[in-house]
Every structure is written in C-alpha cells, then in structure tokens.
Amino acid sequence: MVATIDSGYEGFLTIPTSVFEQLRLDELQQSSRTLVLANGEILTSKGTYATLRLPHLSVKLDGFVETYRGLDEIILGVQALSHFNAILDYCSRRVSLRTCP
C-alpha cells in the first residue's frame, strides 16, 4: 500500500473507513477525536490503537489509527514519522524511509 506523508498531520496514521473495517479495527474499543484540516474544516474521527508493521524495514510501531467519513487515502503523520529518517529526492522523484539510528 502507498501512504501520503503529511508533516502537518500531528497524529500517527489515518486510513479510509473501508480499510479500517477490513482490518477489523472497528471491532475494538473506539475513541473520538476532533481534527482540523489544512483548509480549516473541522471533523470528528474515530479510532483505536493498533500496530503498524513495515516488514521491509523490520519495524513495528504502536499508535492511534483513525478514520473519518470521506477519507480516500492513507496518511502517515508526524507521530509515526518521528521514528524515521525520510529522504525526499526530487531529482529521481522518490521518497525513502530509514529507521532512526
């Protein structure tokens, strides 16, 4: 799966509702949060704690995974990114993640 890296999103991980349900996260205890989007829109998300696994990096991270109606992409936020060295290579149009030393 491909995720959008969003350094303006202070959370851990946001996923579409369909993915949230496929992972059966909707069956766990839920919490609600209020989010303010970059365009100023305010909405309510629901979520739970889960583990993000990135096998190619040998990484397992626990964090709050949330969703809201209308979301159609996976968004990786600052709480997850704080564990990585993200390299943006504009010349080759690539982004790579490495675990922090």
PDB file of N, CA and C in Angstrom:
ATOM      1  N   MET A   1       0.835  -1.186   0.000  1.00  0.00           N
ATOM      2  CA  MET A   1       0.000   0.000   0.000  1.00  0.00           C
ATOM      3  C   MET A   1       0.877   1.246   0.000  1.00  0.00           C
ATOM      4  N   VAL A   2       0.353   2.296  -0.544  1.00  0.00           N
ATOM      5  CA  VAL A   2       1.054   3.564  -0.615  1.00  0.00           C
ATOM      6  C   VAL A   2       0.405   4.523   0.375  1.00  0.00           C
ATOM      7  N   ALA A   3       1.207   5.289   1.076  1.00  0.00           N
ATOM      8  CA  ALA A   3       0.699   6.264   2.033  1.00  0.00           C
ATOM      9  C   ALA A   3       1.208   7.651   1.662  1.00  0.00           C
ATOM     10  N   THR A   4       0.417   8.638   1.986  1.00  0.00           N
ATOM     11  CA  THR A   4       0.814  10.029   1.844  1.00  0.00           C
ATOM     12  C   THR A   4       1.504  10.457   3.127  1.00  0.00           C
ATOM     13  N   ILE A   5       2.672  11.043   3.011  1.00  0.00           N
ATOM     14  CA  ILE A   5       3.374  11.574   4.169  1.00  0.00           C
ATOM     15  C   ILE A   5       2.892  13.005   4.373  1.00  0.00           C
ATOM     16  N   ASP A   6       2.382  13.281   5.568  1.00  0.00           N
ATOM     17  CA  ASP A   6       1.824  14.601   5.846  1.00  0.00           C
ATOM     18  C   ASP A   6       2.436  15.147   7.128  1.00  0.00           C
ATOM     19  N   SER A   7       3.419  16.025   6.981  1.00  0.00           N
ATOM     20  CA  SER A   7       4.095  16.593   8.150  1.00  0.00           C
ATOM     21  C   SER A   7       3.211  17.600   8.889  1.00  0.00           C
ATOM     22  N   GLY A   8       2.061  17.938   8.340  1.00  0.00           N
ATOM     23  CA  GLY A   8       1.113  18.811   9.015  1.00  0.00           C
ATOM     24  C   GLY A   8       0.115  18.042   9.870  1.00  0.00           C
ATOM     25  N   TYR A   9       0.074  16.723   9.681  1.00  0.00           N
ATOM     26  CA  TYR A   9      -0.818  15.869  10.466  1.00  0.00           C
ATOM     27  C   TYR A   9      -0.040  15.381  11.679  1.00  0.00           C
ATOM     28  N   GLU A  10      -0.423  15.844  12.854  1.00  0.00           N
ATOM     29  CA  GLU A  10       0.319  15.537  14.075  1.00  0.00           C
ATOM     30  C   GLU A  10       0.049  14.140  14.610  1.00  0.00           C
ATOM     31  N   GLY A  11      -0.929  13.442  14.052  1.00  0.00           N
ATOM     32  CA  GLY A  11      -1.288  12.111  14.517  1.00  0.00           C
ATOM     33  C   GLY A  11      -0.351  11.029  13.997  1.00  0.00           C
ATOM     34  N   PHE A  12      -0.776   9.788  14.167  1.00  0.00           N
ATOM     35  CA  PHE A  12       0.017   8.614  13.806  1.00  0.00           C
ATOM     36  C   PHE A  12      -0.327   8.121  12.402  1.00  0.00           C
ATOM     37  N   LEU A  13      -1.562   7.638  12.217  1.00  0.00           N
ATOM     38  CA  LEU A  13      -1.961   7.063  10.934  1.00  0.00           C
ATOM     39  C   LEU A  13      -3.460   7.232  10.747  1.00  0.00           C
ATOM     40  N   THR A  14      -3.861   7.691   9.579  1.00  0.00           N
ATOM     41  CA  THR A  14      -5.268   7.805   9.214  1.00  0.00           C
ATOM     42  C   THR A  14      -5.490   6.955   7.971  1.00  0.00           C
ATOM     43  N   ILE A  15      -6.548   6.158   8.011  1.00  0.00           N
ATOM     44  CA  ILE A  15      -6.835   5.244   6.899  1.00  0.00           C
ATOM     45  C   ILE A  15      -8.310   5.349   6.498  1.00  0.00           C
ATOM     46  N   PRO A  16      -8.638   5.000   5.239  1.00  0.00           N
ATOM     47  CA  PRO A  16     -10.042   5.017   4.819  1.00  0.00           C
ATOM     48  C   PRO A  16     -10.884   4.060   5.674  1.00  0.00           C
ATOM     49  N   THR A  17     -12.147   4.385   5.818  1.00  0.00           N
ATOM     50  CA  THR A  17     -13.057   3.575   6.623  1.00  0.00           C
ATOM     51  C   THR A  17     -13.114   2.134   6.125  1.00  0.00           C
ATOM     52  N   SER A  18     -13.079   1.923   4.819  1.00  0.00           N
ATOM     53  CA  SER A  18     -13.130   0.560   4.281  1.00  0.00           C
ATOM     54  C   SER A  18     -11.926  -0.262   4.748  1.00  0.00           C
ATOM     55  N   VAL A  19     -10.748   0.327   4.797  1.00  0.00           N
ATOM     56  CA  VAL A  19      -9.539  -0.360   5.265  1.00  0.00           C
ATOM     57  C   VAL A  19      -9.640  -0.593   6.778  1.00  0.00           C
ATOM     58  N   PHE A  20     -10.126   0.420   7.498  1.00  0.00           N
ATOM     59  CA  PHE A  20     -10.321   0.324   8.946  1.00  0.00           C
ATOM     60  C   PHE A  20     -11.207  -0.884   9.272  1.00  0.00           C
ATOM     61  N   GLU A  21     -12.274  -1.059   8.499  1.00  0.00           N
ATOM     62  CA  GLU A  21     -13.194  -2.179   8.718  1.00  0.00           C
ATOM     63  C   GLU A  21     -12.589  -3.504   8.257  1.00  0.00           C
ATOM     64  N   GLN A  22     -11.865  -3.518   7.152  1.00  0.00           N
ATOM     65  CA  GLN A  22     -11.209  -4.756   6.686  1.00  0.00           C
ATOM     66  C   GLN A  22     -10.212  -5.271   7.710  1.00  0.00           C
ATOM     67  N   LEU A  23      -9.539  -4.368   8.401  1.00  0.00           N
ATOM     68  CA  LEU A  23      -8.588  -4.750   9.445  1.00  0.00           C
ATOM     69  C   LEU A  23      -9.290  -5.079  10.764  1.00  0.00           C
ATOM     70  N   ARG A  24     -10.613  -4.928  10.765  1.00  0.00           N
ATOM     71  CA  ARG A  24     -11.465  -5.206  11.922  1.00  0.00           C
ATOM     72  C   ARG A  24     -11.144  -4.303  13.119  1.00  0.00           C
ATOM     73  N   LEU A  25     -10.607  -3.140  12.829  1.00  0.00           N
ATOM     74  CA  LEU A  25     -10.326  -2.187  13.888  1.00  0.00           C
ATOM     75  C   LEU A  25     -11.617  -1.606  14.464  1.00  0.00           C
ATOM     76  N   ASP A  26     -12.693  -1.638  13.671  1.00  0.00           N
ATOM     77  CA  ASP A  26     -13.992  -1.147  14.141  1.00  0.00           C
ATOM     78  C   ASP A  26     -14.584  -2.042  15.225  1.00  0.00           C
ATOM     79  N   GLU A  27     -14.005  -3.237  15.429  1.00  0.00           N
ATOM     80  CA  GLU A  27     -14.479  -4.156  16.458  1.00  0.00           C
ATOM     81  C   GLU A  27     -13.787  -3.920  17.806  1.00  0.00           C
ATOM     82  N   LEU A  28     -12.789  -3.058  17.819  1.00  0.00           N
ATOM     83  CA  LEU A  28     -12.077  -2.736  19.055  1.00  0.00           C
ATOM     84  C   LEU A  28     -12.695  -1.505  19.708  1.00  0.00           C
ATOM     85  N   GLN A  29     -12.323  -1.232  20.948  1.00  0.00           N
ATOM     86  CA  GLN A  29     -12.829  -0.053  21.642  1.00  0.00           C
ATOM     87  C   GLN A  29     -12.409   1.203  20.882  1.00  0.00           C
ATOM     88  N   GLN A  30     -13.356   2.089  20.647  1.00  0.00           N
ATOM     89  CA  GLN A  30     -13.130   3.286  19.846  1.00  0.00           C
ATOM     90  C   GLN A  30     -13.013   4.539  20.711  1.00  0.00           C
ATOM     91  N   SER A  31     -12.262   5.491  20.217  1.00  0.00           N
ATOM     92  CA  SER A  31     -12.196   6.837  20.788  1.00  0.00           C
ATOM     93  C   SER A  31     -12.474   7.815  19.660  1.00  0.00           C
ATOM     94  N   SER A  32     -12.993   8.967  20.003  1.00  0.00           N
ATOM     95  CA  SER A  32     -13.252  10.016  19.013  1.00  0.00           C
ATOM     96  C   SER A  32     -12.276  11.158  19.223  1.00  0.00           C
ATOM     97  N   ARG A  33     -11.911  11.798  18.124  1.00  0.00           N
ATOM     98  CA  ARG A  33     -11.030  12.962  18.179  1.00  0.00           C
ATOM     99  C   ARG A  33     -11.567  14.016  17.227  1.00  0.00           C
ATOM    100  N   THR A  34     -11.251  15.258  17.500  1.00  0.00           N
ATOM    101  CA  THR A  34     -11.609  16.355  16.609  1.00  0.00           C
ATOM    102  C   THR A  34     -10.372  16.724  15.806  1.00  0.00           C
ATOM    103  N   LEU A  35     -10.515  16.763  14.493  1.00  0.00           N
ATOM    104  CA  LEU A  35      -9.410  17.106  13.600  1.00  0.00           C
ATOM    105  C   LEU A  35      -9.712  18.422  12.891  1.00  0.00           C
ATOM    106  N   VAL A  36      -8.689  19.233  12.717  1.00  0.00           N
ATOM    107  CA  VAL A  36      -8.806  20.459  11.935  1.00  0.00           C
ATOM    108  C   VAL A  36      -7.935  20.265  10.700  1.00  0.00           C
ATOM    109  N   LEU A  37      -8.564  20.216   9.535  1.00  0.00           N
ATOM    110  CA  LEU A  37      -7.838  20.015   8.283  1.00  0.00           C
ATOM    111  C   LEU A  37      -7.140  21.298   7.845  1.00  0.00           C
ATOM    112  N   ALA A  38      -6.231  21.165   6.900  1.00  0.00           N
ATOM    113  CA  ALA A  38      -5.456  22.311   6.420  1.00  0.00           C
ATOM    114  C   ALA A  38      -6.347  23.417   5.857  1.00  0.00           C
ATOM    115  N   ASN A  39      -7.505  23.042   5.323  1.00  0.00           N
ATOM    116  CA  ASN A  39      -8.421  24.046   4.765  1.00  0.00           C
ATOM    117  C   ASN A  39      -9.330  24.657   5.830  1.00  0.00           C
ATOM    118  N   GLY A  40      -9.121  24.284   7.108  1.00  0.00           N
ATOM    119  CA  GLY A  40      -9.906  24.828   8.207  1.00  0.00           C
ATOM    120  C   GLY A  40     -11.130  24.005   8.564  1.00  0.00           C
ATOM    121  N   GLU A  41     -11.449  23.015   7.744  1.00  0.00           N
ATOM    122  CA  GLU A  41     -12.604  22.158   8.027  1.00  0.00           C
ATOM    123  C   GLU A  41     -12.370  21.380   9.327  1.00  0.00           C
ATOM    124  N   ILE A  42     -13.398  21.304  10.154  1.00  0.00           N
ATOM    125  CA  ILE A  42     -13.326  20.569  11.413  1.00  0.00           C
ATOM    126  C   ILE A  42     -14.189  19.325  11.276  1.00  0.00           C
ATOM    127  N   LEU A  43     -13.627  18.181  11.651  1.00  0.00           N
ATOM    128  CA  LEU A  43     -14.386  16.939  11.581  1.00  0.00           C
ATOM    129  C   LEU A  43     -14.032  16.038  12.750  1.00  0.00           C
ATOM    130  N   THR A  44     -14.843  15.005  12.922  1.00  0.00           N
ATOM    131  CA  THR A  44     -14.626  14.056  14.013  1.00  0.00           C
ATOM    132  C   THR A  44     -14.164  12.733  13.434  1.00  0.00           C
ATOM    133  N   SER A  45     -13.096  12.204  14.003  1.00  0.00           N
ATOM    134  CA  SER A  45     -12.602  10.898  13.586  1.00  0.00           C
ATOM    135  C   SER A  45     -12.910   9.886  14.683  1.00  0.00           C
ATOM    136  N   LYS A  46     -12.858   8.619  14.311  1.00  0.00           N
ATOM    137  CA  LYS A  46     -12.935   7.551  15.306  1.00  0.00           C
ATOM    138  C   LYS A  46     -11.696   6.702  15.105  1.00  0.00           C
ATOM    139  N   GLY A  47     -11.233   6.086  16.180  1.00  0.00           N
ATOM    140  CA  GLY A  47     -10.034   5.283  16.034  1.00  0.00           C
ATOM    141  C   GLY A  47      -9.741   4.431  17.245  1.00  0.00           C
ATOM    142  N   THR A  48      -8.643   3.699  17.133  1.00  0.00           N
ATOM    143  CA  THR A  48      -8.193   2.810  18.188  1.00  0.00           C
ATOM    144  C   THR A  48      -6.687   2.625  18.046  1.00  0.00           C
ATOM    145  N   TYR A  49      -6.083   2.051  19.043  1.00  0.00           N
ATOM    146  CA  TYR A  49      -4.643   1.795  18.977  1.00  0.00           C
ATOM    147  C   TYR A  49      -4.388   0.488  18.234  1.00  0.00           C
ATOM    148  N   ALA A  50      -3.373   0.505  17.389  1.00  0.00           N
ATOM    149  CA  ALA A  50      -3.020  -0.658  16.585  1.00  0.00           C
ATOM    150  C   ALA A  50      -1.523  -0.620  16.288  1.00  0.00           C
ATOM    151  N   THR A  51      -1.028  -1.682  15.683  1.00  0.00           N
ATOM    152  CA  THR A  51       0.385  -1.786  15.326  1.00  0.00           C
ATOM    153  C   THR A  51       0.558  -1.614  13.825  1.00  0.00           C
ATOM    154  N   LEU A  52       1.443  -0.705  13.438  1.00  0.00           N
ATOM    155  CA  LEU A  52       1.835  -0.510  12.045  1.00  0.00           C
ATOM    156  C   LEU A  52       3.066  -1.366  11.807  1.00  0.00           C
ATOM    157  N   ARG A  53       2.981  -2.259  10.849  1.00  0.00           N
ATOM    158  CA  ARG A  53       4.118  -3.129  10.527  1.00  0.00           C
ATOM    159  C   ARG A  53       4.662  -2.775   9.149  1.00  0.00           C
ATOM    160  N   LEU A  54       5.976  -2.582   9.096  1.00  0.00           N
ATOM    161  CA  LEU A  54       6.680  -2.338   7.839  1.00  0.00           C
ATOM    162  C   LEU A  54       7.765  -3.405   7.732  1.00  0.00           C
ATOM    163  N   PRO A  55       7.423  -4.591   7.210  1.00  0.00           N
ATOM    164  CA  PRO A  55       8.357  -5.720   7.205  1.00  0.00           C
ATOM    165  C   PRO A  55       9.671  -5.437   6.485  1.00  0.00           C
ATOM    166  N   HIS A  56       9.638  -4.660   5.396  1.00  0.00           N
ATOM    167  CA  HIS A  56      10.863  -4.383   4.650  1.00  0.00           C
ATOM    168  C   HIS A  56      11.845  -3.536   5.452  1.00  0.00           C
ATOM    169  N   LEU A  57      11.354  -2.870   6.505  1.00  0.00           N
ATOM    170  CA  LEU A  57      12.230  -2.097   7.384  1.00  0.00           C
ATOM    171  C   LEU A  57      12.384  -2.762   8.750  1.00  0.00           C
ATOM    172  N   SER A  58      11.770  -3.927   8.909  1.00  0.00           N
ATOM    173  CA  SER A  58      11.770  -4.638  10.198  1.00  0.00           C
ATOM    174  C   SER A  58      11.269  -3.741  11.325  1.00  0.00           C
ATOM    175  N   VAL A  59      10.146  -3.049  11.064  1.00  0.00           N
ATOM    176  CA  VAL A  59       9.607  -2.084  12.020  1.00  0.00           C
ATOM    177  C   VAL A  59       8.191  -2.474  12.432  1.00  0.00           C
ATOM    178  N   LYS A  60       7.912  -2.349  13.731  1.00  0.00           N
ATOM    179  CA  LYS A  60       6.575  -2.456  14.292  1.00  0.00           C
ATOM    180  C   LYS A  60       6.389  -1.259  15.216  1.00  0.00           C
ATOM    181  N   LEU A  61       5.384  -0.437  14.931  1.00  0.00           N
ATOM    182  CA  LEU A  61       5.111   0.756  15.729  1.00  0.00           C
ATOM    183  C   LEU A  61       3.666   0.736  16.203  1.00  0.00           C
ATOM    184  N   ASP A  62       3.452   1.062  17.467  1.00  0.00           N
ATOM    185  CA  ASP A  62       2.104   1.175  18.013  1.00  0.00           C
ATOM    186  C   ASP A  62       1.682   2.631  18.007  1.00  0.00           C
ATOM    187  N   GLY A  63       0.431   2.870  17.635  1.00  0.00           N
ATOM    188  CA  GLY A  63      -0.083   4.232  17.638  1.00  0.00           C
ATOM    189  C   GLY A  63      -1.569   4.263  17.397  1.00  0.00           C
ATOM    190  N   PHE A  64      -2.131   5.466  17.464  1.00  0.00           N
ATOM    191  CA  PHE A  64      -3.567   5.659  17.280  1.00  0.00           C
ATOM    192  C   PHE A  64      -3.871   5.712  15.791  1.00  0.00           C
ATOM    193  N   VAL A  65      -4.670   4.755  15.328  1.00  0.00           N
ATOM    194  CA  VAL A  65      -5.068   4.671  13.920  1.00  0.00           C
ATOM    195  C   VAL A  65      -6.507   5.145  13.839  1.00  0.00           C
ATOM    196  N   GLU A  66      -6.740   6.141  12.989  1.00  0.00           N
ATOM    197  CA  GLU A  66      -8.070   6.732  12.937  1.00  0.00           C
ATOM    198  C   GLU A  66      -8.610   6.806  11.522  1.00  0.00           C
ATOM    199  N   THR A  67      -9.909   7.058  11.438  1.00  0.00           N
ATOM    200  CA  THR A  67     -10.583   7.180  10.159  1.00  0.00           C
ATOM    201  C   THR A  67     -11.705   8.202  10.282  1.00  0.00           C
ATOM    202  N   TYR A  68     -12.146   8.708   9.150  1.00  0.00           N
ATOM    203  CA  TYR A  68     -13.320   9.576   9.120  1.00  0.00           C
ATOM    204  C   TYR A  68     -13.986   9.439   7.760  1.00  0.00           C
ATOM    205  N   ARG A  69     -15.267   9.740   7.739  1.00  0.00           N
ATOM    206  CA  ARG A  69     -16.056   9.616   6.520  1.00  0.00           C
ATOM    207  C   ARG A  69     -15.478  10.475   5.399  1.00  0.00           C
ATOM    208  N   GLY A  70     -15.369   9.895   4.211  1.00  0.00           N
ATOM    209  CA  GLY A  70     -14.900  10.632   3.050  1.00  0.00           C
ATOM    210  C   GLY A  70     -13.403  10.537   2.795  1.00  0.00           C
ATOM    211  N   LEU A  71     -12.660   9.962   3.740  1.00  0.00           N
ATOM    212  CA  LEU A  71     -11.208   9.817   3.550  1.00  0.00           C
ATOM    213  C   LEU A  71     -10.952   8.737   2.508  1.00  0.00           C
ATOM    214  N   ASP A  72     -10.102   9.030   1.524  1.00  0.00           N
ATOM    215  CA  ASP A  72      -9.838   8.057   0.465  1.00  0.00           C
ATOM    216  C   ASP A  72      -8.345   7.760   0.278  1.00  0.00           C
ATOM    217  N   GLU A  73      -7.538   8.087   1.300  1.00  0.00           N
ATOM    218  CA  GLU A  73      -6.114   7.811   1.212  1.00  0.00           C
ATOM    219  C   GLU A  73      -5.568   7.439   2.588  1.00  0.00           C
ATOM    220  N   ILE A  74      -4.396   6.849   2.599  1.00  0.00           N
ATOM    221  CA  ILE A  74      -3.696   6.528   3.842  1.00  0.00           C
ATOM    222  C   ILE A  74      -2.740   7.685   4.118  1.00  0.00           C
ATOM    223  N   ILE A  75      -2.785   8.214   5.342  1.00  0.00           N
ATOM    224  CA  ILE A  75      -1.949   9.359   5.693  1.00  0.00           C
ATOM    225  C   ILE A  75      -1.061   8.998   6.874  1.00  0.00           C
ATOM    226  N   LEU A  76       0.226   9.113   6.678  1.00  0.00           N
ATOM    227  CA  LEU A  76       1.222   8.847   7.722  1.00  0.00           C
ATOM    228  C   LEU A  76       1.593  10.177   8.356  1.00  0.00           C
ATOM    229  N   GLY A  77       1.359  10.278   9.661  1.00  0.00           N
ATOM    230  CA  GLY A  77       1.571  11.539  10.360  1.00  0.00           C
ATOM    231  C   GLY A  77       2.876  11.618  11.122  1.00  0.00           C
ATOM    232  N   VAL A  78       3.062  12.735  11.796  1.00  0.00           N
ATOM    233  CA  VAL A  78       4.300  13.057  12.496  1.00  0.00           C
ATOM    234  C   VAL A  78       4.633  12.046  13.602  1.00  0.00           C
ATOM    235  N   GLN A  79       3.617  11.550  14.316  1.00  0.00           N
ATOM    236  CA  GLN A  79       3.901  10.584  15.384  1.00  0.00           C
ATOM    237  C   GLN A  79       4.568   9.330  14.833  1.00  0.00           C
ATOM    238  N   ALA A  80       4.181   8.876  13.659  1.00  0.00           N
ATOM    239  CA  ALA A  80       4.832   7.724  13.032  1.00  0.00           C
ATOM    240  C   ALA A  80       6.155   8.140  12.403  1.00  0.00           C
ATOM    241  N   LEU A  81       6.171   9.284  11.737  1.00  0.00           N
ATOM    242  CA  LEU A  81       7.383   9.750  11.046  1.00  0.00           C
ATOM    243  C   LEU A  81       8.539  10.019  11.998  1.00  0.00           C
ATOM    244  N   SER A  82       8.239  10.285  13.259  1.00  0.00           N
ATOM    245  CA  SER A  82       9.297  10.595  14.221  1.00  0.00           C
ATOM    246  C   SER A  82      10.253   9.421  14.446  1.00  0.00           C
ATOM    247  N   HIS A  83       9.911   8.261  13.924  1.00  0.00           N
ATOM    248  CA  HIS A  83      10.754   7.071  14.060  1.00  0.00           C
ATOM    249  C   HIS A  83      11.635   6.844  12.826  1.00  0.00           C
ATOM    250  N   PHE A  84      11.568   7.754  11.858  1.00  0.00           N
ATOM    251  CA  PHE A  84      12.248   7.546  10.585  1.00  0.00           C
ATOM    252  C   PHE A  84      13.077   8.745  10.144  1.00  0.00           C
ATOM    253  N   ASN A  85      14.013   8.456   9.287  1.00  0.00           N
ATOM    254  CA  ASN A  85      14.735   9.461   8.530  1.00  0.00           C
ATOM    255  C   ASN A  85      14.101   9.409   7.143  1.00  0.00           C
ATOM    256  N   ALA A  86      13.338  10.437   6.785  1.00  0.00           N
ATOM    257  CA  ALA A  86      12.673  10.482   5.483  1.00  0.00           C
ATOM    258  C   ALA A  86      13.526  11.289   4.517  1.00  0.00           C
ATOM    259  N   ILE A  87      13.804  10.713   3.368  1.00  0.00           N
ATOM    260  CA  ILE A  87      14.624  11.376   2.354  1.00  0.00           C
ATOM    261  C   ILE A  87      13.769  11.620   1.114  1.00  0.00           C
ATOM    262  N   LEU A  88      13.632  12.902   0.747  1.00  0.00           N
ATOM    263  CA  LEU A  88      12.903  13.272  -0.456  1.00  0.00           C
ATOM    264  C   LEU A  88      13.925  13.585  -1.538  1.00  0.00           C
ATOM    265  N   ASP A  89      13.921  12.813  -2.588  1.00  0.00           N
ATOM    266  CA  ASP A  89      14.844  13.019  -3.701  1.00  0.00           C
ATOM    267  C   ASP A  89      14.034  13.554  -4.881  1.00  0.00           C
ATOM    268  N   TYR A  90      14.022  14.877  -5.016  1.00  0.00           N
ATOM    269  CA  TYR A  90      13.241  15.498  -6.071  1.00  0.00           C
ATOM    270  C   TYR A  90      13.765  15.141  -7.458  1.00  0.00           C
ATOM    271  N   CYS A  91      15.059  14.933  -7.587  1.00  0.00           N
ATOM    272  CA  CYS A  91      15.649  14.619  -8.898  1.00  0.00           C
ATOM    273  C   CYS A  91      15.106  13.301  -9.445  1.00  0.00           C
ATOM    274  N   SER A  92      15.050  12.279  -8.603  1.00  0.00           N
ATOM    275  CA  SER A  92      14.571  10.971  -9.072  1.00  0.00           C
ATOM    276  C   SER A  92      13.100  10.740  -8.729  1.00  0.00           C
ATOM    277  N   ARG A  93      12.470  11.745  -8.087  1.00  0.00           N
ATOM    278  CA  ARG A  93      11.057  11.671  -7.709  1.00  0.00           C
ATOM    279  C   ARG A  93      10.755  10.471  -6.816  1.00  0.00           C
ATOM    280  N   ARG A  94      11.591  10.320  -5.782  1.00  0.00           N
ATOM    281  CA  ARG A  94      11.429   9.214  -4.844  1.00  0.00           C
ATOM    282  C   ARG A  94      11.491   9.698  -3.408  1.00  0.00           C
ATOM    283  N   VAL A  95      10.828   8.934  -2.562  1.00  0.00           N
ATOM    284  CA  VAL A  95      10.897   9.153  -1.119  1.00  0.00           C
ATOM    285  C   VAL A  95      11.359   7.838  -0.517  1.00  0.00           C
ATOM    286  N   SER A  96      12.300   7.908   0.387  1.00  0.00           N
ATOM    287  CA  SER A  96      12.726   6.685   1.063  1.00  0.00           C
ATOM    288  C   SER A  96      12.695   6.916   2.568  1.00  0.00           C
ATOM    289  N   LEU A  97      12.383   5.853   3.290  1.00  0.00           N
ATOM    290  CA  LEU A  97      12.351   5.892   4.739  1.00  0.00           C
ATOM    291  C   LEU A  97      13.401   4.950   5.282  1.00  0.00           C
ATOM    292  N   ARG A  98      14.114   5.411   6.289  1.00  0.00           N
ATOM    293  CA  ARG A  98      15.067   4.577   7.018  1.00  0.00           C
ATOM    294  C   ARG A  98      14.771   4.764   8.489  1.00  0.00           C
ATOM    295  N   THR A  99      14.995   3.724   9.265  1.00  0.00           N
ATOM    296  CA  THR A  99      14.780   3.868  10.703  1.00  0.00           C
ATOM    297  C   THR A  99      15.838   4.788  11.287  1.00  0.00           C
ATOM    298  N   CYS A 100      15.469   5.474  12.338  1.00  0.00           N
ATOM    299  CA  CYS A 100      16.421   6.362  13.002  1.00  0.00           C
ATOM    300  C   CYS A 100      17.541   5.535  13.621  1.00  0.00           C
ATOM    301  N   PRO A 101      18.766   6.098  13.603  1.00  0.00           N
ATOM    302  CA  PRO A 101      19.894   5.349  14.201  1.00  0.00           C
ATOM    303  C   PRO A 101      19.759   5.227  15.707  1.00  0.00           C
TER     304      PRO A 101
END
